[in-house]
Amino acid sequence: MHIFRIPDCLLGEAAPVQAGRPGRGPTLNAQHTIVLRSIVREQPHCPLDELTRESFRRTGTKVNPVTVRKALRQTGIER
């Protein structure tokens, strides 16, 4: 079982998720990141697949769990 750690500096406003290379833009925007962070705060022991499903339920945007993991990592949330 993994626990997400959220740095104190990120408990406020969400940082936007940005792509590192040219091409298709990021699937998750700042609003999606806020939703992901709230899910992690509510359920810190939530597996990545369940986090992805809950994000889809709340936002309606279907993404791969790898995308969710990358978005969390870019905002400073680590397992």
PDB file of N, CA and C in Angstrom:
ATOM      1  N   MET A   1       0.845  -1.174   0.000  1.00  0.00           N
ATOM      2  CA  MET A   1       0.000   0.000   0.000  1.00  0.00           C
ATOM      3  C   MET A   1       0.889   1.234   0.000  1.00  0.00           C
ATOM      4  N   HIS A   2       0.592   2.171  -0.871  1.00  0.00           N
ATOM      5  CA  HIS A   2       1.364   3.403  -0.975  1.00  0.00           C
ATOM      6  C   HIS A   2       0.556   4.580  -0.435  1.00  0.00           C
ATOM      7  N   ILE A   3       1.247   5.537   0.102  1.00  0.00           N
ATOM      8  CA  ILE A   3       0.623   6.753   0.600  1.00  0.00           C
ATOM      9  C   ILE A   3       1.181   7.917  -0.195  1.00  0.00           C
ATOM     10  N   PHE A   4       0.293   8.805  -0.656  1.00  0.00           N
ATOM     11  CA  PHE A   4       0.738   9.992  -1.380  1.00  0.00           C
ATOM     12  C   PHE A   4       1.212  11.030  -0.375  1.00  0.00           C
ATOM     13  N   ARG A   5       2.343  11.657  -0.665  1.00  0.00           N
ATOM     14  CA  ARG A   5       2.845  12.751   0.161  1.00  0.00           C
ATOM     15  C   ARG A   5       2.686  14.047  -0.613  1.00  0.00           C
ATOM     16  N   ILE A   6       2.029  15.015  -0.009  1.00  0.00           N
ATOM     17  CA  ILE A   6       1.808  16.314  -0.644  1.00  0.00           C
ATOM     18  C   ILE A   6       2.680  17.330   0.075  1.00  0.00           C
ATOM     19  N   PRO A   7       3.600  17.961  -0.633  1.00  0.00           N
ATOM     20  CA  PRO A   7       4.416  18.998   0.005  1.00  0.00           C
ATOM     21  C   PRO A   7       3.531  20.140   0.499  1.00  0.00           C
ATOM     22  N   ASP A   8       3.891  20.711   1.648  1.00  0.00           N
ATOM     23  CA  ASP A   8       3.106  21.795   2.238  1.00  0.00           C
ATOM     24  C   ASP A   8       2.914  22.963   1.280  1.00  0.00           C
ATOM     25  N   CYS A   9       3.925  23.249   0.466  1.00  0.00           N
ATOM     26  CA  CYS A   9       3.829  24.385  -0.443  1.00  0.00           C
ATOM     27  C   CYS A   9       2.765  24.163  -1.527  1.00  0.00           C
ATOM     28  N   LEU A  10       2.303  22.930  -1.709  1.00  0.00           N
ATOM     29  CA  LEU A  10       1.321  22.642  -2.751  1.00  0.00           C
ATOM     30  C   LEU A  10      -0.095  22.472  -2.215  1.00  0.00           C
ATOM     31  N   LEU A  11      -0.298  22.679  -0.936  1.00  0.00           N
ATOM     32  CA  LEU A  11      -1.630  22.496  -0.380  1.00  0.00           C
ATOM     33  C   LEU A  11      -2.566  23.647  -0.728  1.00  0.00           C
ATOM     34  N   GLY A  12      -2.032  24.719  -1.258  1.00  0.00           N
ATOM     35  CA  GLY A  12      -2.851  25.865  -1.664  1.00  0.00           C
ATOM     36  C   GLY A  12      -3.355  25.702  -3.074  1.00  0.00           C
ATOM     37  N   GLU A  13      -3.009  26.625  -3.932  1.00  0.00           N
ATOM     38  CA  GLU A  13      -3.474  26.654  -5.310  1.00  0.00           C
ATOM     39  C   GLU A  13      -2.700  25.654  -6.164  1.00  0.00           C
ATOM     40  N   ALA A  14      -3.372  25.020  -7.128  1.00  0.00           N
ATOM     41  CA  ALA A  14      -2.744  24.003  -7.979  1.00  0.00           C
ATOM     42  C   ALA A  14      -1.854  24.636  -9.025  1.00  0.00           C
ATOM     43  N   ALA A  15      -0.721  23.991  -9.246  1.00  0.00           N
ATOM     44  CA  ALA A  15       0.167  24.417 -10.323  1.00  0.00           C
ATOM     45  C   ALA A  15      -0.309  23.760 -11.618  1.00  0.00           C
ATOM     46  N   PRO A  16      -0.272  24.465 -12.742  1.00  0.00           N
ATOM     47  CA  PRO A  16      -0.721  23.861 -13.996  1.00  0.00           C
ATOM     48  C   PRO A  16       0.230  22.753 -14.442  1.00  0.00           C
ATOM     49  N   VAL A  17      -0.340  21.731 -15.053  1.00  0.00           N
ATOM     50  CA  VAL A  17       0.452  20.640 -15.595  1.00  0.00           C
ATOM     51  C   VAL A  17       0.861  21.034 -17.006  1.00  0.00           C
ATOM     52  N   GLN A  18       2.162  21.006 -17.299  1.00  0.00           N
ATOM     53  CA  GLN A  18       2.632  21.450 -18.603  1.00  0.00           C
ATOM     54  C   GLN A  18       3.402  20.321 -19.297  1.00  0.00           C
ATOM     55  N   ALA A  19       3.243  20.257 -20.609  1.00  0.00           N
ATOM     56  CA  ALA A  19       3.949  19.263 -21.401  1.00  0.00           C
ATOM     57  C   ALA A  19       5.406  19.676 -21.561  1.00  0.00           C
ATOM     58  N   GLY A  20       6.310  18.687 -21.570  1.00  0.00           N
ATOM     59  CA  GLY A  20       7.726  18.980 -21.703  1.00  0.00           C
ATOM     60  C   GLY A  20       8.179  19.057 -23.152  1.00  0.00           C
ATOM     61  N   ARG A  21       7.381  18.518 -24.058  1.00  0.00           N
ATOM     62  CA  ARG A  21       7.773  18.496 -25.468  1.00  0.00           C
ATOM     63  C   ARG A  21       6.653  19.052 -26.339  1.00  0.00           C
ATOM     64  N   PRO A  22       6.995  19.491 -27.551  1.00  0.00           N
ATOM     65  CA  PRO A  22       5.938  19.960 -28.447  1.00  0.00           C
ATOM     66  C   PRO A  22       5.055  18.794 -28.891  1.00  0.00           C
ATOM     67  N   GLY A  23       3.879  19.110 -29.313  1.00  0.00           N
ATOM     68  CA  GLY A  23       2.943  18.077 -29.744  1.00  0.00           C
ATOM     69  C   GLY A  23       1.588  18.323 -29.131  1.00  0.00           C
ATOM     70  N   ARG A  24       0.851  17.257 -28.922  1.00  0.00           N
ATOM     71  CA  ARG A  24      -0.471  17.390 -28.346  1.00  0.00           C
ATOM     72  C   ARG A  24      -0.356  17.993 -26.949  1.00  0.00           C
ATOM     73  N   GLY A  25      -1.258  18.889 -26.624  1.00  0.00           N
ATOM     74  CA  GLY A  25      -1.259  19.529 -25.312  1.00  0.00           C
ATOM     75  C   GLY A  25      -1.640  18.551 -24.216  1.00  0.00           C
ATOM     76  N   PRO A  26      -1.455  18.952 -22.973  1.00  0.00           N
ATOM     77  CA  PRO A  26      -1.779  18.062 -21.866  1.00  0.00           C
ATOM     78  C   PRO A  26      -3.277  17.778 -21.800  1.00  0.00           C
ATOM     79  N   THR A  27      -3.626  16.550 -21.458  1.00  0.00           N
ATOM     80  CA  THR A  27      -5.021  16.152 -21.330  1.00  0.00           C
ATOM     81  C   THR A  27      -5.637  16.755 -20.076  1.00  0.00           C
ATOM     82  N   LEU A  28      -4.837  16.862 -19.027  1.00  0.00           N
ATOM     83  CA  LEU A  28      -5.328  17.377 -17.761  1.00  0.00           C
ATOM     84  C   LEU A  28      -4.935  18.842 -17.599  1.00  0.00           C
ATOM     85  N   ASN A  29      -5.927  19.673 -17.313  1.00  0.00           N
ATOM     86  CA  ASN A  29      -5.650  21.098 -17.103  1.00  0.00           C
ATOM     87  C   ASN A  29      -5.570  21.387 -15.599  1.00  0.00           C
ATOM     88  N   ALA A  30      -5.501  22.651 -15.233  1.00  0.00           N
ATOM     89  CA  ALA A  30      -5.369  23.036 -13.822  1.00  0.00           C
ATOM     90  C   ALA A  30      -6.570  22.563 -13.000  1.00  0.00           C
ATOM     91  N   GLN A  31      -7.767  22.618 -13.573  1.00  0.00           N
ATOM     92  CA  GLN A  31      -8.960  22.157 -12.844  1.00  0.00           C
ATOM     93  C   GLN A  31      -8.878  20.663 -12.547  1.00  0.00           C
ATOM     94  N   HIS A  32      -8.408  19.883 -13.504  1.00  0.00           N
ATOM     95  CA  HIS A  32      -8.252  18.447 -13.282  1.00  0.00           C
ATOM     96  C   HIS A  32      -7.232  18.195 -12.174  1.00  0.00           C
ATOM     97  N   THR A  33      -6.180  18.980 -12.165  1.00  0.00           N
ATOM     98  CA  THR A  33      -5.144  18.834 -11.149  1.00  0.00           C
ATOM     99  C   THR A  33      -5.712  19.132  -9.761  1.00  0.00           C
ATOM    100  N   ILE A  34      -6.554  20.145  -9.665  1.00  0.00           N
ATOM    101  CA  ILE A  34      -7.193  20.464  -8.386  1.00  0.00           C
ATOM    102  C   ILE A  34      -8.042  19.288  -7.917  1.00  0.00           C
ATOM    103  N   VAL A  35      -8.784  18.681  -8.838  1.00  0.00           N
ATOM    104  CA  VAL A  35      -9.614  17.526  -8.495  1.00  0.00           C
ATOM    105  C   VAL A  35      -8.740  16.360  -8.034  1.00  0.00           C
ATOM    106  N   LEU A  36      -7.657  16.086  -8.752  1.00  0.00           N
ATOM    107  CA  LEU A  36      -6.754  14.998  -8.361  1.00  0.00           C
ATOM    108  C   LEU A  36      -6.192  15.234  -6.963  1.00  0.00           C
ATOM    109  N   ARG A  37      -5.774  16.448  -6.703  1.00  0.00           N
ATOM    110  CA  ARG A  37      -5.209  16.759  -5.390  1.00  0.00           C
ATOM    111  C   ARG A  37      -6.253  16.593  -4.287  1.00  0.00           C
ATOM    112  N   SER A  38      -7.493  16.962  -4.562  1.00  0.00           N
ATOM    113  CA  SER A  38      -8.532  16.802  -3.539  1.00  0.00           C
ATOM    114  C   SER A  38      -8.815  15.321  -3.281  1.00  0.00           C
ATOM    115  N   ILE A  39      -8.794  14.511  -4.331  1.00  0.00           N
ATOM    116  CA  ILE A  39      -8.995  13.065  -4.159  1.00  0.00           C
ATOM    117  C   ILE A  39      -7.871  12.488  -3.311  1.00  0.00           C
ATOM    118  N   VAL A  40      -6.635  12.886  -3.596  1.00  0.00           N
ATOM    119  CA  VAL A  40      -5.488  12.382  -2.843  1.00  0.00           C
ATOM    120  C   VAL A  40      -5.585  12.807  -1.381  1.00  0.00           C
ATOM    121  N   ARG A  41      -6.028  14.042  -1.120  1.00  0.00           N
ATOM    122  CA  ARG A  41      -6.198  14.494   0.261  1.00  0.00           C
ATOM    123  C   ARG A  41      -7.278  13.684   0.982  1.00  0.00           C
ATOM    124  N   GLU A  42      -8.371  13.391   0.277  1.00  0.00           N
ATOM    125  CA  GLU A  42      -9.481  12.644   0.879  1.00  0.00           C
ATOM    126  C   GLU A  42      -9.141  11.171   1.074  1.00  0.00           C
ATOM    127  N   GLN A  43      -8.386  10.613   0.124  1.00  0.00           N
ATOM    128  CA  GLN A  43      -8.085   9.180   0.139  1.00  0.00           C
ATOM    129  C   GLN A  43      -6.594   8.959  -0.132  1.00  0.00           C
ATOM    130  N   PRO A  44      -5.728   9.212   0.855  1.00  0.00           N
ATOM    131  CA  PRO A  44      -4.285   9.113   0.607  1.00  0.00           C
ATOM    132  C   PRO A  44      -3.798   7.696   0.299  1.00  0.00           C
ATOM    133  N   HIS A  45      -4.584   6.676   0.625  1.00  0.00           N
ATOM    134  CA  HIS A  45      -4.179   5.290   0.363  1.00  0.00           C
ATOM    135  C   HIS A  45      -4.779   4.738  -0.927  1.00  0.00           C
ATOM    136  N   CYS A  46      -5.416   5.597  -1.686  1.00  0.00           N
ATOM    137  CA  CYS A  46      -6.115   5.209  -2.909  1.00  0.00           C
ATOM    138  C   CYS A  46      -5.131   4.722  -3.976  1.00  0.00           C
ATOM    139  N   PRO A  47      -5.328   3.508  -4.523  1.00  0.00           N
ATOM    140  CA  PRO A  47      -4.468   3.035  -5.614  1.00  0.00           C
ATOM    141  C   PRO A  47      -4.639   3.905  -6.864  1.00  0.00           C
ATOM    142  N   LEU A  48      -3.643   3.904  -7.715  1.00  0.00           N
ATOM    143  CA  LEU A  48      -3.639   4.742  -8.906  1.00  0.00           C
ATOM    144  C   LEU A  48      -4.837   4.469  -9.813  1.00  0.00           C
ATOM    145  N   ASP A  49      -5.192   3.201 -10.011  1.00  0.00           N
ATOM    146  CA  ASP A  49      -6.349   2.873 -10.860  1.00  0.00           C
ATOM    147  C   ASP A  49      -7.641   3.448 -10.293  1.00  0.00           C
ATOM    148  N   GLU A  50      -7.808   3.358  -8.981  1.00  0.00           N
ATOM    149  CA  GLU A  50      -9.010   3.893  -8.352  1.00  0.00           C
ATOM    150  C   GLU A  50      -9.005   5.427  -8.406  1.00  0.00           C
ATOM    151  N   LEU A  51      -7.840   6.010  -8.245  1.00  0.00           N
ATOM    152  CA  LEU A  51      -7.704   7.462  -8.358  1.00  0.00           C
ATOM    153  C   LEU A  51      -8.095   7.925  -9.762  1.00  0.00           C
ATOM    154  N   THR A  52      -7.695   7.167 -10.765  1.00  0.00           N
ATOM    155  CA  THR A  52      -8.039   7.482 -12.153  1.00  0.00           C
ATOM    156  C   THR A  52      -9.544   7.377 -12.375  1.00  0.00           C
ATOM    157  N   ARG A  53     -10.166   6.330 -11.844  1.00  0.00           N
ATOM    158  CA  ARG A  53     -11.626   6.167 -11.984  1.00  0.00           C
ATOM    159  C   ARG A  53     -12.385   7.291 -11.279  1.00  0.00           C
ATOM    160  N   GLU A  54     -11.933   7.644 -10.076  1.00  0.00           N
ATOM    161  CA  GLU A  54     -12.608   8.708  -9.323  1.00  0.00           C
ATOM    162  C   GLU A  54     -12.455  10.052 -10.034  1.00  0.00           C
ATOM    163  N   SER A  55     -11.296  10.282 -10.629  1.00  0.00           N
ATOM    164  CA  SER A  55     -11.071  11.507 -11.395  1.00  0.00           C
ATOM    165  C   SER A  55     -12.031  11.560 -12.583  1.00  0.00           C
ATOM    166  N   PHE A  56     -12.204  10.439 -13.273  1.00  0.00           N
ATOM    167  CA  PHE A  56     -13.138  10.367 -14.396  1.00  0.00           C
ATOM    168  C   PHE A  56     -14.565  10.638 -13.918  1.00  0.00           C
ATOM    169  N   ARG A  57     -14.930  10.058 -12.778  1.00  0.00           N
ATOM    170  CA  ARG A  57     -16.274  10.247 -12.247  1.00  0.00           C
ATOM    171  C   ARG A  57     -16.540  11.723 -11.943  1.00  0.00           C
ATOM    172  N   ARG A  58     -15.538  12.424 -11.417  1.00  0.00           N
ATOM    173  CA  ARG A  58     -15.723  13.825 -11.022  1.00  0.00           C
ATOM    174  C   ARG A  58     -15.574  14.816 -12.172  1.00  0.00           C
ATOM    175  N   THR A  59     -14.722  14.491 -13.164  1.00  0.00           N
ATOM    176  CA  THR A  59     -14.450  15.463 -14.223  1.00  0.00           C
ATOM    177  C   THR A  59     -15.037  15.081 -15.572  1.00  0.00           C
ATOM    178  N   GLY A  60     -15.269  13.789 -15.804  1.00  0.00           N
ATOM    179  CA  GLY A  60     -15.756  13.343 -17.104  1.00  0.00           C
ATOM    180  C   GLY A  60     -14.656  13.189 -18.137  1.00  0.00           C
ATOM    181  N   THR A  61     -13.411  13.393 -17.738  1.00  0.00           N
ATOM    182  CA  THR A  61     -12.275  13.253 -18.653  1.00  0.00           C
ATOM    183  C   THR A  61     -11.595  11.914 -18.398  1.00  0.00           C
ATOM    184  N   LYS A  62     -11.611  11.061 -19.412  1.00  0.00           N
ATOM    185  CA  LYS A  62     -11.007   9.741 -19.276  1.00  0.00           C
ATOM    186  C   LYS A  62      -9.542   9.815 -19.673  1.00  0.00           C
ATOM    187  N   VAL A  63      -8.670   9.381 -18.757  1.00  0.00           N
ATOM    188  CA  VAL A  63      -7.235   9.375 -19.023  1.00  0.00           C
ATOM    189  C   VAL A  63      -6.637   8.063 -18.545  1.00  0.00           C
ATOM    190  N   ASN A  64      -5.453   7.798 -19.016  1.00  0.00           N
ATOM    191  CA  ASN A  64      -4.708   6.617 -18.624  1.00  0.00           C
ATOM    192  C   ASN A  64      -4.119   6.843 -17.233  1.00  0.00           C
ATOM    193  N   PRO A  65      -4.006   5.787 -16.410  1.00  0.00           N
ATOM    194  CA  PRO A  65      -3.370   5.939 -15.098  1.00  0.00           C
ATOM    195  C   PRO A  65      -1.954   6.516 -15.168  1.00  0.00           C
ATOM    196  N   VAL A  66      -1.238   6.255 -16.248  1.00  0.00           N
ATOM    197  CA  VAL A  66       0.106   6.816 -16.408  1.00  0.00           C
ATOM    198  C   VAL A  66       0.022   8.345 -16.496  1.00  0.00           C
ATOM    199  N   THR A  67      -1.001   8.856 -17.169  1.00  0.00           N
ATOM    200  CA  THR A  67      -1.200  10.299 -17.268  1.00  0.00           C
ATOM    201  C   THR A  67      -1.468  10.894 -15.890  1.00  0.00           C
ATOM    202  N   VAL A  68      -2.272  10.207 -15.094  1.00  0.00           N
ATOM    203  CA  VAL A  68      -2.564  10.670 -13.736  1.00  0.00           C
ATOM    204  C   VAL A  68      -1.284  10.672 -12.908  1.00  0.00           C
ATOM    205  N   ARG A  69      -0.508   9.606 -13.014  1.00  0.00           N
ATOM    206  CA  ARG A  69       0.752   9.529 -12.262  1.00  0.00           C
ATOM    207  C   ARG A  69       1.687  10.670 -12.641  1.00  0.00           C
ATOM    208  N   LYS A  70       1.802  10.950 -13.932  1.00  0.00           N
ATOM    209  CA  LYS A  70       2.660  12.042 -14.398  1.00  0.00           C
ATOM    210  C   LYS A  70       2.155  13.390 -13.890  1.00  0.00           C
ATOM    211  N   ALA A  71       0.838  13.598 -13.927  1.00  0.00           N
ATOM    212  CA  ALA A  71       0.264  14.855 -13.458  1.00  0.00           C
ATOM    213  C   ALA A  71       0.544  15.052 -11.974  1.00  0.00           C
ATOM    214  N   LEU A  72       0.386  13.989 -11.190  1.00  0.00           N
ATOM    215  CA  LEU A  72       0.670  14.085  -9.762  1.00  0.00           C
ATOM    216  C   LEU A  72       2.141  14.376  -9.513  1.00  0.00           C
ATOM    217  N   ARG A  73       2.991  13.709 -10.258  1.00  0.00           N
ATOM    218  CA  ARG A  73       4.430  13.915 -10.096  1.00  0.00           C
ATOM    219  C   ARG A  73       4.824  15.355 -10.452  1.00  0.00           C
ATOM    220  N   GLN A  74       4.231  15.903 -11.513  1.00  0.00           N
ATOM    221  CA  GLN A  74       4.545  17.265 -11.941  1.00  0.00           C
ATOM    222  C   GLN A  74       4.078  18.303 -10.922  1.00  0.00           C
ATOM    223  N   THR A  75       3.065  17.980 -10.136  1.00  0.00           N
ATOM    224  CA  THR A  75       2.589  18.912  -9.108  1.00  0.00           C
ATOM    225  C   THR A  75       3.267  18.689  -7.774  1.00  0.00           C
ATOM    226  N   GLY A  76       4.186  17.722  -7.719  1.00  0.00           N
ATOM    227  CA  GLY A  76       4.949  17.484  -6.496  1.00  0.00           C
ATOM    228  C   GLY A  76       4.369  16.425  -5.578  1.00  0.00           C
ATOM    229  N   ILE A  77       3.338  15.726  -6.011  1.00  0.00           N
ATOM    230  CA  ILE A  77       2.752  14.666  -5.200  1.00  0.00           C
ATOM    231  C   ILE A  77       3.418  13.356  -5.595  1.00  0.00           C
ATOM    232  N   GLU A  78       4.033  12.701  -4.620  1.00  0.00           N
ATOM    233  CA  GLU A  78       4.762  11.453  -4.875  1.00  0.00           C
ATOM    234  C   GLU A  78       4.222  10.334  -4.004  1.00  0.00           C
ATOM    235  N   ARG A  79       4.475   9.134  -4.457  1.00  0.00           N
ATOM    236  CA  ARG A  79       4.125   7.968  -3.647  1.00  0.00           C
ATOM    237  C   ARG A  79       5.272   7.631  -2.764  1.00  0.00           C
TER     238      ARG A  79
END
